[in-house]
PDB file of N, CA and C in Angstrom:
ATOM      1  N   MET A   1     102.824 198.390  79.787  1.00  0.00           N
ATOM      2  CA  MET A   1     101.431 198.128  79.959  1.00  0.00           C
ATOM      3  C   MET A   1     101.269 197.249  81.185  1.00  0.00           C
ATOM      4  N   VAL A   2     100.245 197.513  81.943  1.00  0.00           N
ATOM      5  CA  VAL A   2      99.963 196.752  83.148  1.00  0.00           C
ATOM      6  C   VAL A   2      98.597 196.109  83.012  1.00  0.00           C
ATOM      7  N   ASP A   3      98.518 194.839  83.388  1.00  0.00           N
ATOM      8  CA  ASP A   3      97.244 194.122  83.397  1.00  0.00           C
ATOM      9  C   ASP A   3      96.392 194.697  84.526  1.00  0.00           C
ATOM     10  N   PRO A   4      95.204 195.253  84.243  1.00  0.00           N
ATOM     11  CA  PRO A   4      94.382 195.854  85.297  1.00  0.00           C
ATOM     12  C   PRO A   4      93.957 194.841  86.366  1.00  0.00           C
ATOM     13  N   ALA A   5      93.920 193.567  86.023  1.00  0.00           N
ATOM     14  CA  ALA A   5      93.515 192.551  86.992  1.00  0.00           C
ATOM     15  C   ALA A   5      94.682 192.065  87.853  1.00  0.00           C
ATOM     16  N   ASN A   6      95.922 192.332  87.418  1.00  0.00           N
ATOM     17  CA  ASN A   6      97.090 191.860  88.153  1.00  0.00           C
ATOM     18  C   ASN A   6      98.233 192.839  87.915  1.00  0.00           C
ATOM     19  N   ALA A   7      98.497 193.687  88.894  1.00  0.00           N
ATOM     20  CA  ALA A   7      99.499 194.736  88.747  1.00  0.00           C
ATOM     21  C   ALA A   7     100.910 194.191  88.562  1.00  0.00           C
ATOM     22  N   TYR A   8     101.149 192.925  88.875  1.00  0.00           N
ATOM     23  CA  TYR A   8     102.470 192.324  88.710  1.00  0.00           C
ATOM     24  C   TYR A   8     102.667 191.736  87.319  1.00  0.00           C
ATOM     25  N   ARG A   9     101.648 191.761  86.489  1.00  0.00           N
ATOM     26  CA  ARG A   9     101.735 191.235  85.134  1.00  0.00           C
ATOM     27  C   ARG A   9     101.834 192.410  84.173  1.00  0.00           C
ATOM     28  N   ILE A  10     102.984 192.532  83.533  1.00  0.00           N
ATOM     29  CA  ILE A  10     103.225 193.687  82.666  1.00  0.00           C
ATOM     30  C   ILE A  10     103.834 193.244  81.345  1.00  0.00           C
ATOM     31  N   ALA A  11     103.786 194.134  80.376  1.00  0.00           N
ATOM     32  CA  ALA A  11     104.467 193.933  79.102  1.00  0.00           C
ATOM     33  C   ALA A  11     105.226 195.212  78.782  1.00  0.00           C
ATOM     34  N   MET A  12     106.435 195.068  78.242  1.00  0.00           N
ATOM     35  CA  MET A  12     107.271 196.204  77.900  1.00  0.00           C
ATOM     36  C   MET A  12     107.772 196.077  76.472  1.00  0.00           C
ATOM     37  N   ILE A  13     107.922 197.198  75.830  1.00  0.00           N
ATOM     38  CA  ILE A  13     108.559 197.250  74.523  1.00  0.00           C
ATOM     39  C   ILE A  13     109.715 198.230  74.638  1.00  0.00           C
ATOM     40  N   ARG A  14     110.910 197.788  74.281  1.00  0.00           N
ATOM     41  CA  ARG A  14     112.086 198.651  74.341  1.00  0.00           C
ATOM     42  C   ARG A  14     112.697 198.741  72.962  1.00  0.00           C
ATOM     43  N   SER A  15     113.260 199.898  72.660  1.00  0.00           N
ATOM     44  CA  SER A  15     113.938 200.056  71.379  1.00  0.00           C
ATOM     45  C   SER A  15     114.985 201.158  71.494  1.00  0.00           C
ATOM     46  N   ARG A  16     115.805 201.266  70.479  1.00  0.00           N
ATOM     47  CA  ARG A  16     116.809 202.338  70.391  1.00  0.00           C
ATOM     48  C   ARG A  16     116.350 203.349  69.345  1.00  0.00           C
ATOM     49  N   VAL A  17     116.572 204.609  69.632  1.00  0.00           N
ATOM     50  CA  VAL A  17     116.273 205.662  68.657  1.00  0.00           C
ATOM     51  C   VAL A  17     117.393 205.644  67.622  1.00  0.00           C
ATOM     52  N   VAL A  18     117.014 205.508  66.358  1.00  0.00           N
ATOM     53  CA  VAL A  18     118.020 205.459  65.289  1.00  0.00           C
ATOM     54  C   VAL A  18     118.009 206.712  64.421  1.00  0.00           C
ATOM     55  N   ASP A  19     116.972 207.550  64.548  1.00  0.00           N
ATOM     56  CA  ASP A  19     116.909 208.765  63.746  1.00  0.00           C
ATOM     57  C   ASP A  19     115.968 209.761  64.403  1.00  0.00           C
ATOM     58  N   ILE A  20     116.365 211.026  64.446  1.00  0.00           N
ATOM     59  CA  ILE A  20     115.514 212.114  64.933  1.00  0.00           C
ATOM     60  C   ILE A  20     115.489 213.174  63.839  1.00  0.00           C
ATOM     61  N   THR A  21     114.278 213.636  63.500  1.00  0.00           N
ATOM     62  CA  THR A  21     114.141 214.624  62.426  1.00  0.00           C
ATOM     63  C   THR A  21     112.965 215.550  62.708  1.00  0.00           C
ATOM     64  N   THR A  22     112.978 216.713  62.062  1.00  0.00           N
ATOM     65  CA  THR A  22     111.841 217.634  62.137  1.00  0.00           C
ATOM     66  C   THR A  22     110.936 217.479  60.916  1.00  0.00           C
ATOM     67  N   ILE A  23     111.398 216.700  59.922  1.00  0.00           N
ATOM     68  CA  ILE A  23     110.632 216.524  58.685  1.00  0.00           C
ATOM     69  C   ILE A  23     109.319 215.809  58.982  1.00  0.00           C
ATOM     70  N   ARG A  24     108.221 216.401  58.569  1.00  0.00           N
ATOM     71  CA  ARG A  24     106.855 215.885  58.736  1.00  0.00           C
ATOM     72  C   ARG A  24     106.407 215.739  60.196  1.00  0.00           C
ATOM     73  N   ALA A  25     107.147 216.292  61.139  1.00  0.00           N
ATOM     74  CA  ALA A  25     106.774 216.173  62.547  1.00  0.00           C
ATOM     75  C   ALA A  25     105.447 216.885  62.827  1.00  0.00           C
ATOM     76  N   ASP A  26     105.263 218.084  62.276  1.00  0.00           N
ATOM     77  CA  ASP A  26     104.001 218.802  62.476  1.00  0.00           C
ATOM     78  C   ASP A  26     102.837 218.070  61.816  1.00  0.00           C
ATOM     79  N   GLU A  27     103.075 217.518  60.638  1.00  0.00           N
ATOM     80  CA  GLU A  27     102.019 216.764  59.956  1.00  0.00           C
ATOM     81  C   GLU A  27     101.619 215.519  60.756  1.00  0.00           C
ATOM     82  N   ASN A  28     102.610 214.873  61.370  1.00  0.00           N
ATOM     83  CA  ASN A  28     102.307 213.680  62.172  1.00  0.00           C
ATOM     84  C   ASN A  28     101.442 214.001  63.383  1.00  0.00           C
ATOM     85  N   ILE A  29     101.760 215.079  64.099  1.00  0.00           N
ATOM     86  CA  ILE A  29     100.963 215.414  65.287  1.00  0.00           C
ATOM     87  C   ILE A  29      99.569 215.882  64.875  1.00  0.00           C
ATOM     88  N   ASP A  30      99.453 216.549  63.713  1.00  0.00           N
ATOM     89  CA  ASP A  30      98.132 216.953  63.232  1.00  0.00           C
ATOM     90  C   ASP A  30      97.294 215.731  62.862  1.00  0.00           C
ATOM     91  N   MET A  31      97.934 214.714  62.266  1.00  0.00           N
ATOM     92  CA  MET A  31      97.231 213.478  61.924  1.00  0.00           C
ATOM     93  C   MET A  31      96.712 212.782  63.191  1.00  0.00           C
ATOM     94  N   LEU A  32      97.543 212.763  64.241  1.00  0.00           N
ATOM     95  CA  LEU A  32      97.123 212.143  65.500  1.00  0.00           C
ATOM     96  C   LEU A  32      96.009 212.950  66.169  1.00  0.00           C
ATOM     97  N   ALA A  33      96.082 214.280  66.073  1.00  0.00           N
ATOM     98  CA  ALA A  33      95.034 215.130  66.638  1.00  0.00           C
ATOM     99  C   ALA A  33      93.702 214.871  65.939  1.00  0.00           C
ATOM    100  N   LYS A  34      93.762 214.694  64.636  1.00  0.00           N
ATOM    101  CA  LYS A  34      92.526 214.419  63.899  1.00  0.00           C
ATOM    102  C   LYS A  34      91.940 213.075  64.314  1.00  0.00           C
ATOM    103  N   LYS A  35      92.798 212.077  64.446  1.00  0.00           N
ATOM    104  CA  LYS A  35      92.340 210.736  64.784  1.00  0.00           C
ATOM    105  C   LYS A  35      91.804 210.661  66.222  1.00  0.00           C
ATOM    106  N   TYR A  36      92.546 211.211  67.179  1.00  0.00           N
ATOM    107  CA  TYR A  36      92.204 211.019  68.587  1.00  0.00           C
ATOM    108  C   TYR A  36      91.448 212.178  69.225  1.00  0.00           C
ATOM    109  N   LEU A  37      91.565 213.377  68.670  1.00  0.00           N
ATOM    110  CA  LEU A  37      90.891 214.541  69.247  1.00  0.00           C
ATOM    111  C   LEU A  37      89.783 215.082  68.363  1.00  0.00           C
ATOM    112  N   GLY A  38      89.723 214.605  67.107  1.00  0.00           N
ATOM    113  CA  GLY A  38      88.704 215.089  66.187  1.00  0.00           C
ATOM    114  C   GLY A  38      88.954 216.516  65.730  1.00  0.00           C
ATOM    115  N   GLN A  39      90.216 216.955  65.762  1.00  0.00           N
ATOM    116  CA  GLN A  39      90.555 218.316  65.362  1.00  0.00           C
ATOM    117  C   GLN A  39      91.558 218.273  64.214  1.00  0.00           C
ATOM    118  N   GLN A  40      91.433 219.215  63.281  1.00  0.00           N
ATOM    119  CA  GLN A  40      92.305 219.244  62.104  1.00  0.00           C
ATOM    120  C   GLN A  40      93.758 219.537  62.472  1.00  0.00           C
ATOM    121  N   LYS A  41      93.977 220.429  63.417  1.00  0.00           N
ATOM    122  CA  LYS A  41      95.321 220.811  63.853  1.00  0.00           C
ATOM    123  C   LYS A  41      95.478 220.480  65.331  1.00  0.00           C
ATOM    124  N   TYR A  42      96.693 220.128  65.737  1.00  0.00           N
ATOM    125  CA  TYR A  42      96.993 219.872  67.145  1.00  0.00           C
ATOM    126  C   TYR A  42      96.730 221.146  67.940  1.00  0.00           C
ATOM    127  N   PRO A  43      95.787 221.118  68.893  1.00  0.00           N
ATOM    128  CA  PRO A  43      95.352 222.354  69.543  1.00  0.00           C
ATOM    129  C   PRO A  43      96.286 222.895  70.621  1.00  0.00           C
ATOM    130  N   PHE A  44      97.276 222.135  71.037  1.00  0.00           N
ATOM    131  CA  PHE A  44      98.134 222.572  72.146  1.00  0.00           C
ATOM    132  C   PHE A  44      99.514 223.028  71.681  1.00  0.00           C
ATOM    133  N   ARG A  45      99.668 223.284  70.393  1.00  0.00           N
ATOM    134  CA  ARG A  45     100.943 223.734  69.837  1.00  0.00           C
ATOM    135  C   ARG A  45     101.267 225.121  70.371  1.00  0.00           C
ATOM    136  N   ARG A  46     102.539 225.322  70.711  1.00  0.00           N
ATOM    137  CA  ARG A  46     103.009 226.630  71.174  1.00  0.00           C
ATOM    138  C   ARG A  46     103.937 227.209  70.107  1.00  0.00           C
ATOM    139  N   PRO A  47     103.951 228.518  69.938  1.00  0.00           N
ATOM    140  CA  PRO A  47     104.788 229.135  68.902  1.00  0.00           C
ATOM    141  C   PRO A  47     106.282 228.899  69.105  1.00  0.00           C
ATOM    142  N   ASP A  48     106.721 228.711  70.346  1.00  0.00           N
ATOM    143  CA  ASP A  48     108.151 228.582  70.629  1.00  0.00           C
ATOM    144  C   ASP A  48     108.652 227.135  70.587  1.00  0.00           C
ATOM    145  N   GLU A  49     107.799 226.171  70.267  1.00  0.00           N
ATOM    146  CA  GLU A  49     108.241 224.777  70.278  1.00  0.00           C
ATOM    147  C   GLU A  49     108.650 224.300  68.886  1.00  0.00           C
ATOM    148  N   GLN A  50     109.560 223.354  68.881  1.00  0.00           N
ATOM    149  CA  GLN A  50     109.952 222.708  67.633  1.00  0.00           C
ATOM    150  C   GLN A  50     109.686 221.219  67.813  1.00  0.00           C
ATOM    151  N   ARG A  51     108.807 220.691  67.000  1.00  0.00           N
ATOM    152  CA  ARG A  51     108.419 219.286  67.100  1.00  0.00           C
ATOM    153  C   ARG A  51     109.397 218.422  66.328  1.00  0.00           C
ATOM    154  N   VAL A  52     109.712 217.250  66.882  1.00  0.00           N
ATOM    155  CA  VAL A  52     110.591 216.291  66.212  1.00  0.00           C
ATOM    156  C   VAL A  52     109.896 214.938  66.140  1.00  0.00           C
ATOM    157  N   SER A  53     110.344 214.117  65.215  1.00  0.00           N
ATOM    158  CA  SER A  53     109.881 212.734  65.098  1.00  0.00           C
ATOM    159  C   SER A  53     111.093 211.839  65.249  1.00  0.00           C
ATOM    160  N   SER A  54     110.883 210.680  65.849  1.00  0.00           N
ATOM    161  CA  SER A  54     111.986 209.735  65.996  1.00  0.00           C
ATOM    162  C   SER A  54     111.614 208.413  65.343  1.00  0.00           C
ATOM    163  N   ARG A  55     112.639 207.707  64.909  1.00  0.00           N
ATOM    164  CA  ARG A  55     112.462 206.379  64.338  1.00  0.00           C
ATOM    165  C   ARG A  55     113.257 205.426  65.214  1.00  0.00           C
ATOM    166  N   SER A  56     112.644 204.308  65.554  1.00  0.00           N
ATOM    167  CA  SER A  56     113.270 203.367  66.468  1.00  0.00           C
ATOM    168  C   SER A  56     113.633 202.072  65.773  1.00  0.00           C
ATOM    169  N   GLY A  57     114.639 201.400  66.321  1.00  0.00           N
ATOM    170  CA  GLY A  57     115.037 200.091  65.850  1.00  0.00           C
ATOM    171  C   GLY A  57     114.944 199.108  67.004  1.00  0.00           C
ATOM    172  N   SER A  58     114.677 197.885  66.712  1.00  0.00           N
ATOM    173  CA  SER A  58     114.497 196.861  67.734  1.00  0.00           C
ATOM    174  C   SER A  58     115.818 196.533  68.419  1.00  0.00           C
ATOM    175  N   ILE A  59     115.751 196.277  69.715  1.00  0.00           N
ATOM    176  CA  ILE A  59     116.921 195.784  70.442  1.00  0.00           C
ATOM    177  C   ILE A  59     116.657 194.394  70.990  1.00  0.00           C
ATOM    178  N   GLY A  60     115.584 193.767  70.529  1.00  0.00           N
ATOM    179  CA  GLY A  60     115.265 192.417  70.992  1.00  0.00           C
ATOM    180  C   GLY A  60     114.300 192.436  72.151  1.00  0.00           C
ATOM    181  N   SER A  61     113.951 191.279  72.599  1.00  0.00           N
ATOM    182  CA  SER A  61     113.016 191.166  73.715  1.00  0.00           C
ATOM    183  C   SER A  61     113.553 190.169  74.722  1.00  0.00           C
ATOM    184  N   THR A  62     113.020 190.246  75.916  1.00  0.00           N
ATOM    185  CA  THR A  62     113.404 189.315  76.967  1.00  0.00           C
ATOM    186  C   THR A  62     112.155 188.664  77.521  1.00  0.00           C
ATOM    187  N   ARG A  63     112.311 187.542  78.160  1.00  0.00           N
ATOM    188  CA  ARG A  63     111.165 186.851  78.747  1.00  0.00           C
ATOM    189  C   ARG A  63     111.001 187.202  80.213  1.00  0.00           C
ATOM    190  N   ARG A  64     111.932 187.931  80.793  1.00  0.00           N
ATOM    191  CA  ARG A  64     111.890 188.190  82.221  1.00  0.00           C
ATOM    192  C   ARG A  64     110.904 189.274  82.614  1.00  0.00           C
ATOM    193  N   GLY A  65     110.423 190.072  81.700  1.00  0.00           N
ATOM    194  CA  GLY A  65     109.490 191.136  82.057  1.00  0.00           C
ATOM    195  C   GLY A  65     110.235 192.345  82.578  1.00  0.00           C
ATOM    196  N   SER A  66     109.895 192.791  83.757  1.00  0.00           N
ATOM    197  CA  SER A  66     110.401 194.040  84.303  1.00  0.00           C
ATOM    198  C   SER A  66     111.429 193.804  85.392  1.00  0.00           C
ATOM    199  N   THR A  67     112.294 194.788  85.585  1.00  0.00           N
ATOM    200  CA  THR A  67     113.187 194.773  86.729  1.00  0.00           C
ATOM    201  C   THR A  67     112.658 195.738  87.785  1.00  0.00           C
ATOM    202  N   SER A  68     111.364 195.975  87.743  1.00  0.00           N
ATOM    203  CA  SER A  68     110.763 196.941  88.667  1.00  0.00           C
ATOM    204  C   SER A  68     110.827 196.440  90.097  1.00  0.00           C
ATOM    205  N   GLU A  69     110.624 197.351  91.005  1.00  0.00           N
ATOM    206  CA  GLU A  69     110.644 197.026  92.428  1.00  0.00           C
ATOM    207  C   GLU A  69     109.630 195.946  92.773  1.00  0.00           C
ATOM    208  N   ALA A  70     108.482 195.969  92.126  1.00  0.00           N
ATOM    209  CA  ALA A  70     107.450 194.966  92.402  1.00  0.00           C
ATOM    210  C   ALA A  70     107.960 193.556  92.115  1.00  0.00           C
ATOM    211  N   TYR A  71     108.692 193.375  91.030  1.00  0.00           N
ATOM    212  CA  TYR A  71     109.219 192.044  90.708  1.00  0.00           C
ATOM    213  C   TYR A  71     110.328 191.637  91.661  1.00  0.00           C
ATOM    214  N   ARG A  72     111.128 192.584  92.084  1.00  0.00           N
ATOM    215  CA  ARG A  72     112.191 192.238  93.038  1.00  0.00           C
ATOM    216  C   ARG A  72     111.597 191.853  94.381  1.00  0.00           C
ATOM    217  N   ARG A  73     110.506 192.498  94.784  1.00  0.00           N
ATOM    218  CA  ARG A  73     109.874 192.181  96.067  1.00  0.00           C
ATOM    219  C   ARG A  73     109.023 190.935  95.999  1.00  0.00           C
ATOM    220  N   HIS A  74     108.472 190.612  94.818  1.00  0.00           N
ATOM    221  CA  HIS A  74     107.547 189.488  94.673  1.00  0.00           C
ATOM    222  C   HIS A  74     107.968 188.609  93.499  1.00  0.00           C
ATOM    223  N   PRO A  75     109.064 187.839  93.641  1.00  0.00           N
ATOM    224  CA  PRO A  75     109.536 187.036  92.518  1.00  0.00           C
ATOM    225  C   PRO A  75     108.533 185.992  92.051  1.00  0.00           C
ATOM    226  N   ALA A  76     107.600 185.602  92.891  1.00  0.00           N
ATOM    227  CA  ALA A  76     106.587 184.630  92.470  1.00  0.00           C
ATOM    228  C   ALA A  76     105.709 185.196  91.365  1.00  0.00           C
ATOM    229  N   ALA A  77     105.634 186.504  91.251  1.00  0.00           N
ATOM    230  CA  ALA A  77     104.819 187.121  90.201  1.00  0.00           C
ATOM    231  C   ALA A  77     105.354 186.804  88.811  1.00  0.00           C
ATOM    232  N   LEU A  78     106.631 186.449  88.726  1.00  0.00           N
ATOM    233  CA  LEU A  78     107.205 186.102  87.422  1.00  0.00           C
ATOM    234  C   LEU A  78     106.549 184.887  86.805  1.00  0.00           C
ATOM    235  N   THR A  79     105.943 184.037  87.606  1.00  0.00           N
ATOM    236  CA  THR A  79     105.303 182.841  87.056  1.00  0.00           C
ATOM    237  C   THR A  79     104.061 183.201  86.261  1.00  0.00           C
ATOM    238  N   ASP A  80     103.512 184.420  86.436  1.00  0.00           N
ATOM    239  CA  ASP A  80     102.316 184.860  85.713  1.00  0.00           C
ATOM    240  C   ASP A  80     102.660 185.690  84.490  1.00  0.00           C
ATOM    241  N   ARG A  81     103.926 185.796  84.139  1.00  0.00           N
ATOM    242  CA  ARG A  81     104.310 186.676  83.040  1.00  0.00           C
ATOM    243  C   ARG A  81     103.726 186.202  81.712  1.00  0.00           C
ATOM    244  N   VAL A  82     103.601 187.133  80.800  1.00  0.00           N
ATOM    245  CA  VAL A  82     103.091 186.824  79.469  1.00  0.00           C
ATOM    246  C   VAL A  82     104.169 186.043  78.723  1.00  0.00           C
ATOM    247  N   ARG A  83     103.795 184.951  78.115  1.00  0.00           N
ATOM    248  CA  ARG A  83     104.781 184.133  77.386  1.00  0.00           C
ATOM    249  C   ARG A  83     104.713 184.411  75.920  1.00  0.00           C
TER     250      ARG A  83
END
């Protein structure tokens, strides 16, 4: 996520995938389609696709923010990081 008022201020969430399954994957995308698109079924489903769901586990967090090029070029931006 990037702060619209300051492109050097970002937040990241990182995790490891601990499980991948096809169980309830279609139901999950249909639930999201209903919530965000107002449609009962996901409208962009293709007959040849197989949908999967993943479950993630935490790998911890860091206070340094990003290792993006912007931070390497502008180290002073680190002083504005989210604490």
